[in-house]
Protein backbone atom coordinates (compact mmCIF):
# COMPACT_ATOMS: atom_id res chain seq x y z
CA MET A 1 203.31 161.75 76.82
CA SER A 2 199.88 162.05 79.22
CA HIS A 3 199.07 159.05 81.40
CA ARG A 4 195.56 158.46 82.28
CA PRO A 5 195.01 157.31 85.71
CA ILE A 6 194.02 153.62 86.11
CA ARG A 7 190.61 153.41 87.28
CA ARG A 8 190.29 151.26 90.18
CA PRO A 9 186.92 148.95 90.33
CA PRO A 10 184.51 150.53 93.00
CA ASN A 11 184.60 149.21 96.72
CA ILE A 12 182.16 148.88 99.55
CA GLY A 13 183.06 152.83 100.71
CA ASP A 14 181.90 153.72 97.10
CA VAL A 15 178.68 152.30 97.50
CA ALA A 16 178.30 153.54 100.88
CA GLN A 17 178.62 156.99 99.76
CA ALA A 18 176.53 156.87 96.70
CA ALA A 19 173.81 155.38 98.92
CA GLY A 20 174.34 157.74 101.67
CA VAL A 21 174.36 154.89 104.33
CA SER A 22 177.38 153.45 106.56
CA ARG A 23 179.75 150.81 105.24
CA GLN A 24 177.71 148.27 107.56
CA THR A 25 174.59 149.22 105.76
CA VAL A 26 176.13 148.08 102.74
CA SER A 27 177.25 144.71 104.22
CA ASN A 28 173.95 144.29 105.80
CA ALA A 29 172.14 144.78 102.35
CA LEU A 30 174.65 142.17 100.95
CA ASN A 31 174.85 139.70 103.51
CA ALA A 32 171.60 140.07 105.88
CA PRO A 33 168.91 142.04 103.92
CA GLU A 34 166.42 141.25 106.16
CA ARG A 35 167.72 143.64 108.88
CA LEU A 36 167.27 146.85 106.50
CA ARG A 37 163.95 148.73 105.62
CA GLN A 38 162.88 147.93 102.30
CA ASP A 39 163.53 151.70 101.16
CA THR A 40 167.29 151.55 102.40
CA LEU A 41 167.67 147.81 100.88
CA CYS A 42 166.61 149.37 97.46
CA ARG A 43 168.80 152.49 97.81
CA VAL A 44 171.86 150.19 98.55
CA LEU A 45 171.16 147.68 95.86
CA GLY A 46 170.58 150.46 93.40
CA ALA A 47 173.91 151.92 94.12
CA VAL A 48 175.46 148.47 93.58
CA GLN A 49 174.08 147.84 90.47
CA ARG A 50 174.95 151.61 89.11
CA LEU A 51 178.62 151.33 90.22
CA GLY A 52 179.13 147.75 89.15
CA TYR A 53 180.16 146.73 92.61
CA ARG A 54 181.20 143.13 93.06
CA PRO A 55 181.92 141.94 96.75
CA ASN A 56 185.41 140.64 97.43
CA ARG A 57 184.12 136.91 97.78
CA VAL A 58 187.49 135.38 98.96
CA ALA A 59 187.20 137.75 102.03
CA ARG A 60 183.68 137.16 102.44
CA SER A 61 184.09 133.36 102.34
CA LEU A 62 186.96 133.81 104.91
CA ARG A 63 184.75 135.62 107.32
CA ARG A 64 182.01 133.09 106.94
CA GLN A 65 184.31 130.20 106.76
CA GLU A 66 183.19 129.24 103.30
CA SER A 67 184.92 127.63 100.75
CA ARG A 68 182.37 128.49 97.90
CA LEU A 69 183.45 124.95 96.28
CA ILE A 70 180.64 122.51 95.03
CA GLY A 71 181.96 118.78 95.25
CA LEU A 72 181.21 116.40 92.31
CA SER A 73 182.54 112.94 92.25
CA LEU A 74 184.21 111.98 89.23
CA ARG A 75 183.72 108.41 88.16
CA PRO A 76 185.80 106.60 85.42
CA ALA A 77 184.43 106.05 81.91
CA LEU A 78 183.24 102.72 81.49
CA PRO A 79 184.38 100.54 78.39
CA ASP A 80 182.02 99.44 75.23
CA ARG A 81 179.97 102.76 75.91
CA ALA A 82 178.96 105.05 73.10
CA GLY A 83 179.98 108.10 75.22
CA SER A 84 179.37 110.11 78.26
CA LEU A 85 177.07 112.81 79.14
CA LEU A 86 179.43 113.85 81.86
CA ASP A 87 181.32 116.61 79.48
CA ARG A 88 178.24 118.50 78.53
CA PHE A 89 176.87 118.40 82.03
CA LEU A 90 180.19 119.65 83.50
CA HIS A 91 180.65 122.55 81.35
CA ALA A 92 176.85 123.66 82.17
CA LEU A 93 177.41 122.98 85.85
CA VAL A 94 180.49 125.15 86.07
CA GLU A 95 179.12 127.86 83.95
CA HIS A 96 176.15 128.23 86.06
CA SER A 97 178.09 127.74 89.24
CA ALA A 98 180.58 130.46 88.34
CA GLY A 99 177.44 132.97 87.69
CA ALA A 100 176.30 132.35 91.16
CA GLY A 101 179.69 132.92 92.70
CA TYR A 102 180.62 129.21 93.33
CA HIS A 103 183.21 126.87 91.72
CA VAL A 104 183.03 122.98 91.18
CA LEU A 105 185.69 120.82 92.71
CA LEU A 106 185.82 117.47 90.93
CA PHE A 107 187.17 114.60 93.14
CA THR A 108 187.77 110.79 92.92
CA PRO A 109 186.70 108.63 96.06
CA PRO A 110 189.68 106.57 97.58
CA ASP A 111 187.44 103.53 96.76
CA PRO A 112 185.46 104.03 93.45
CA ASP A 113 182.57 102.22 94.75
CA ASP A 114 182.45 103.99 98.25
CA GLU A 115 181.68 107.53 97.44
CA VAL A 116 180.69 108.24 101.01
CA SER A 117 184.35 108.09 102.04
CA GLY A 118 185.19 110.88 99.88
CA PHE A 119 182.51 113.07 101.16
CA ASP A 120 183.59 112.33 104.44
CA GLU A 121 187.08 113.55 103.83
CA LEU A 122 185.85 116.65 102.02
CA LEU A 123 183.34 117.56 105.01
CA ASN A 124 185.86 116.78 107.70
CA THR A 125 188.41 119.38 106.25
CA THR A 126 185.77 121.95 105.35
CA THR A 127 186.74 121.90 101.62
CA VAL A 128 183.49 122.08 100.08
CA ASP A 129 180.30 123.52 101.13
CA ALA A 130 177.80 121.31 99.39
CA PHE A 131 177.69 118.39 96.77
CA VAL A 132 176.10 117.27 93.54
CA LEU A 133 175.06 113.66 93.35
CA THR A 134 174.70 112.01 90.05
CA ASP A 135 173.28 108.61 89.14
CA THR A 136 170.97 108.22 91.99
CA TYR A 137 169.22 104.83 92.64
CA ARG A 138 166.73 103.14 95.17
CA GLY A 139 168.24 103.20 98.46
CA ASP A 140 171.27 105.36 97.62
CA ARG A 141 173.51 105.34 100.53
CA ARG A 142 175.21 108.63 99.49
CA VAL A 143 171.80 110.39 100.10
CA SER A 144 171.44 108.81 103.69
CA SER A 145 174.89 109.36 104.58
CA LEU A 146 174.51 113.23 103.54
CA LEU A 147 171.04 113.56 105.12
CA HIS A 148 172.48 112.28 108.26
CA ARG A 149 175.48 114.86 108.28
CA ALA A 150 173.15 117.67 107.44
CA ALA A 151 175.47 118.50 104.64
CA PRO A 152 173.72 120.38 101.54
CA PHE A 153 173.40 118.73 98.54
CA VAL A 154 171.37 118.62 95.18
CA ALA A 155 170.80 115.24 93.54
CA PHE A 156 170.47 114.82 89.48
CA GLY A 157 168.25 112.13 89.61
CA ARG A 158 164.92 111.87 91.46
CA PRO A 159 164.61 109.74 94.88
CA TRP A 160 163.49 106.46 93.22
CA GLY A 161 160.81 104.86 95.44
CA ASP A 162 161.39 106.97 98.42
CA ALA A 163 159.74 109.95 99.86
CA ALA A 164 161.58 113.22 98.95
CA GLN A 165 163.69 114.79 101.78
CA HIS A 166 166.40 116.58 99.65
CA PRO A 167 166.42 118.72 96.44
CA TRP A 168 166.65 116.96 93.15
CA VAL A 169 166.67 117.73 89.54
CA ASP A 170 165.66 115.11 87.05
CA VAL A 171 164.81 114.46 83.29
CA ASP A 172 161.53 112.79 82.44
CA GLY A 173 162.86 109.67 80.53
CA ALA A 174 159.18 108.49 79.91
CA ALA A 175 158.51 111.66 78.08
CA GLY A 176 161.45 111.16 76.10
CA THR A 177 160.86 107.55 74.89
CA ALA A 178 157.22 108.51 74.32
CA SER A 179 158.25 111.05 71.84
CA ALA A 180 160.16 108.63 70.09
CA VAL A 181 157.24 106.51 69.46
CA ASP A 182 155.16 109.25 68.34
CA HIS A 183 157.74 110.31 66.08
CA LEU A 184 157.90 106.46 64.65
CA VAL A 185 154.13 106.18 64.48
CA GLU A 186 154.23 109.31 62.23
CA ARG A 187 156.47 107.41 60.15
CA GLY A 188 154.18 104.72 59.38
CA HIS A 189 155.43 102.10 61.80
CA ARG A 190 153.49 99.71 63.54
CA ARG A 191 156.01 97.21 65.33
CA ILE A 192 157.93 99.03 67.70
CA GLY A 193 160.43 97.16 69.78
CA PHE A 194 162.32 98.57 72.87
CA VAL A 195 165.89 97.70 73.78
CA GLY A 196 166.13 98.65 77.71
CA TRP A 197 168.13 97.97 80.91
CA PRO A 198 167.52 95.14 83.44
CA ALA A 199 164.44 95.21 85.23
CA ASP A 200 166.22 96.35 88.50
CA SER A 201 166.97 99.63 86.70
CA ASP A 202 164.52 102.60 88.08
CA LEU A 203 166.09 104.77 85.29
CA GLY A 204 165.78 102.20 82.76
CA ASN A 205 162.18 101.44 83.51
CA ASP A 206 161.39 105.10 83.66
CA ARG A 207 162.29 105.28 80.04
CA LYS A 208 160.28 101.69 79.32
CA SER A 209 157.16 103.26 80.86
CA GLY A 210 157.05 105.84 78.06
CA TRP A 211 157.46 103.33 75.11
CA SER A 212 154.79 100.97 76.68
CA GLN A 213 152.50 103.65 77.52
CA ALA A 214 153.00 105.56 73.99
CA SER A 215 152.54 102.44 72.16
CA ARG A 216 149.02 101.51 73.78
CA ARG A 217 147.90 104.91 73.26
CA HIS A 218 148.41 104.61 69.35
CA GLY A 219 147.31 100.93 69.46
CA VAL A 220 150.59 99.31 68.41
CA GLY A 221 151.49 97.77 71.98
CA GLN A 222 153.50 94.66 71.60
CA HIS A 223 154.62 92.86 74.74
CA ASP A 224 156.92 90.48 72.90
CA LEU A 225 158.84 93.30 71.28
CA LEU A 226 160.63 93.87 74.62
CA ALA A 227 164.27 93.19 75.20
CA ARG A 228 166.75 93.82 78.27
CA CYS A 229 170.29 93.88 78.59
CA PRO A 230 173.14 95.68 80.22
CA ASP A 231 173.90 98.96 78.89
CA THR A 232 177.04 98.21 76.37
CA HIS A 233 177.57 98.01 72.83
CA HIS A 234 177.98 94.44 72.52
CA ASP A 235 174.76 93.65 74.54
CA GLY A 236 172.85 96.17 72.51
CA ALA A 237 173.70 94.37 69.67
CA ALA A 238 172.91 91.07 70.81
CA ALA A 239 169.43 92.28 72.22
CA ALA A 240 168.59 93.89 68.67
CA ALA A 241 169.36 90.68 66.95
CA ALA A 242 167.39 88.87 69.39
CA LEU A 243 164.28 91.12 68.46
CA LEU A 244 165.09 91.07 64.57
CA ASP A 245 164.93 87.39 64.65
CA ARG A 246 161.34 87.14 65.94
CA PRO A 247 158.75 85.72 63.47
CA GLU A 248 157.18 89.16 63.23
CA PRO A 249 160.38 91.38 63.79
CA PRO A 250 159.90 95.05 64.80
CA THR A 251 160.29 97.67 61.86
CA ALA A 252 161.54 100.01 64.40
CA LEU A 253 163.76 99.90 67.60
CA VAL A 254 163.56 102.41 70.47
CA CYS A 255 166.67 101.98 72.91
CA ALA A 256 167.05 103.39 76.40
CA SER A 257 170.60 104.70 75.44
CA ASP A 258 172.66 105.62 72.59
CA THR A 259 174.92 102.83 73.71
CA LEU A 260 172.23 100.21 73.02
CA ALA A 261 171.38 101.96 69.70
CA MET A 262 174.55 102.04 68.45
CA GLY A 263 174.97 98.14 69.31
CA ALA A 264 171.50 97.93 67.31
CA LEU A 265 172.96 99.80 64.34
CA ALA A 266 175.81 97.35 64.35
CA THR A 267 173.48 94.53 64.15
CA LEU A 268 171.91 96.15 61.22
CA GLY A 269 175.17 96.71 59.35
CA ALA A 270 176.01 93.17 59.71
CA ARG A 271 172.98 91.97 58.19
CA GLY A 272 173.02 94.47 55.32
CA GLN A 273 170.04 96.46 56.51
CA ARG A 274 170.21 100.25 56.55
CA PRO A 275 168.85 102.18 59.43
CA GLY A 276 165.92 104.46 58.60
CA ARG A 277 165.04 102.50 55.47
CA ASP A 278 165.17 99.04 56.59
CA VAL A 279 164.67 99.56 60.31
CA ALA A 280 164.47 102.80 62.20
CA VAL A 281 166.43 103.11 65.32
CA THR A 282 166.29 105.84 68.23
CA GLY A 283 168.63 106.24 71.18
CA PHE A 284 168.44 108.49 74.32
CA ASP A 285 170.96 111.03 75.52
CA ASP A 286 172.21 112.59 72.36
CA THR A 287 175.85 111.68 73.17
CA ALA A 288 178.45 113.21 70.84
CA THR A 289 178.60 109.88 69.12
CA ALA A 290 175.03 110.43 67.60
CA ALA A 291 175.55 113.20 65.66
CA VAL A 292 178.91 111.58 64.07
CA VAL A 293 177.59 108.31 62.77
CA PRO A 294 176.43 107.95 59.08
CA GLY A 295 173.46 109.76 58.56
CA GLY A 296 173.35 110.44 62.28
CA LEU A 297 171.25 108.78 65.25
CA THR A 298 168.01 110.16 66.20
CA THR A 299 167.70 110.45 69.75
CA VAL A 300 166.30 111.73 72.86
CA ARG A 301 168.38 114.83 74.06
CA GLN A 302 168.75 115.54 77.59
CA PRO A 303 168.40 119.38 78.74
CA LEU A 304 171.56 119.46 80.63
CA GLU A 305 171.88 123.11 80.64
CA ASP A 306 168.64 123.39 82.24
CA VAL A 307 169.25 120.43 84.60
CA ALA A 308 172.70 122.57 85.75
CA GLU A 309 170.85 125.82 86.05
CA ALA A 310 168.35 124.39 88.12
CA ILE A 311 170.86 122.35 90.54
CA VAL A 312 172.81 125.61 91.28
CA ARG A 313 169.62 127.51 92.02
CA ARG A 314 168.66 124.97 94.68
CA LEU A 315 172.31 124.66 95.97
CA ASP A 316 172.52 128.44 96.35
CA ALA A 317 169.33 128.43 98.18
CA ARG A 318 170.17 125.87 100.57
CA LEU A 319 173.69 127.73 101.32
CA THR A 320 172.20 131.30 101.55
CA GLY A 321 169.40 130.10 103.55
CA SER A 322 166.95 131.29 100.86
CA PRO A 323 163.56 129.57 99.97
CA LEU A 324 163.77 126.86 98.20
CA PRO A 325 161.85 126.53 94.95
CA ASP A 326 160.08 123.16 94.68
CA LEU A 327 162.10 120.34 96.06
CA GLY A 328 161.89 118.17 93.02
CA GLU A 329 162.06 119.44 89.33
CA LEU A 330 161.56 117.01 86.52
CA LEU A 331 162.54 118.64 83.11
CA THR A 332 161.34 117.43 79.40
CA PRO A 333 163.70 116.22 76.99
CA ALA A 334 163.55 116.78 73.08
CA LEU A 335 163.85 114.31 70.45
CA VAL A 336 166.63 115.25 67.83
CA VAL A 337 165.52 113.54 64.32
CA ARG A 338 168.69 112.47 62.36
CA GLY A 339 168.99 109.85 59.63
CA THR A 340 168.30 106.43 61.62
CA THR A 341 164.45 107.20 61.34
């Protein structure tokens, strides 16, 4: 019985031989391409591609004192919510990070209300190379702390009210709620209410602005059809009830989140009204719950896969010293139409 030799993966020596250069030249092509002439660089990279050579990232990380780890703080799930976007975002972030040669390290800070302490611990022990921030807000202390330490990071969320000093990626909430209003107007609605978050929420105000601007554009703006409340199922139900109790109630409700929309659906159910027939309801985020409610919840889907890809692209540029793409990137969400409209 004959045995075929096991084919080993190509190494740096194989690439050097195929390209007719030294091992050091191959190393320069992979780690410091600016040192090589363009024709030499193209020859080496061509050999890398032909042979399918993959550098030993562990060895390279040790030489550079890199961990290839990206830190992301994991916050506890909050009660009375429709669901979290974290699972879908994490999956996309891990996938795109792996494609760029990084891994994601989840951590919980010693104090849930003080992520900065978690950043300091990881930076002091050189456990991670960079961070991803989520849920940014005006005057975010995490941002100022990481900028002070010159620690690479990219934020999922724009620098609300501040001049941008760091890379960020965000989703255009105003465009999302505006698309919901456009859809409802096409369905014949003229009194379209909005259930949103408290006035101190920049993210909530962004989503509210899309509703108000689109309503004015269509000539259906009604300032008295606005309700604000915390982002819980219970508060969403109460806010929807308050709007529906108006002398001239709305025939449709645009909600700032799926959680608030689920509260609105509960109010309709308690009153014997059917969503989509008696009162239309839209949410925002397209959480897992949106697809499984009876008939399905019409909602705005955040392009989290594109968000993750854009974040990793900026992180990689920061860590490799490559030119950054635009400092910030605002992505457009899409309306997913289901039974509630």
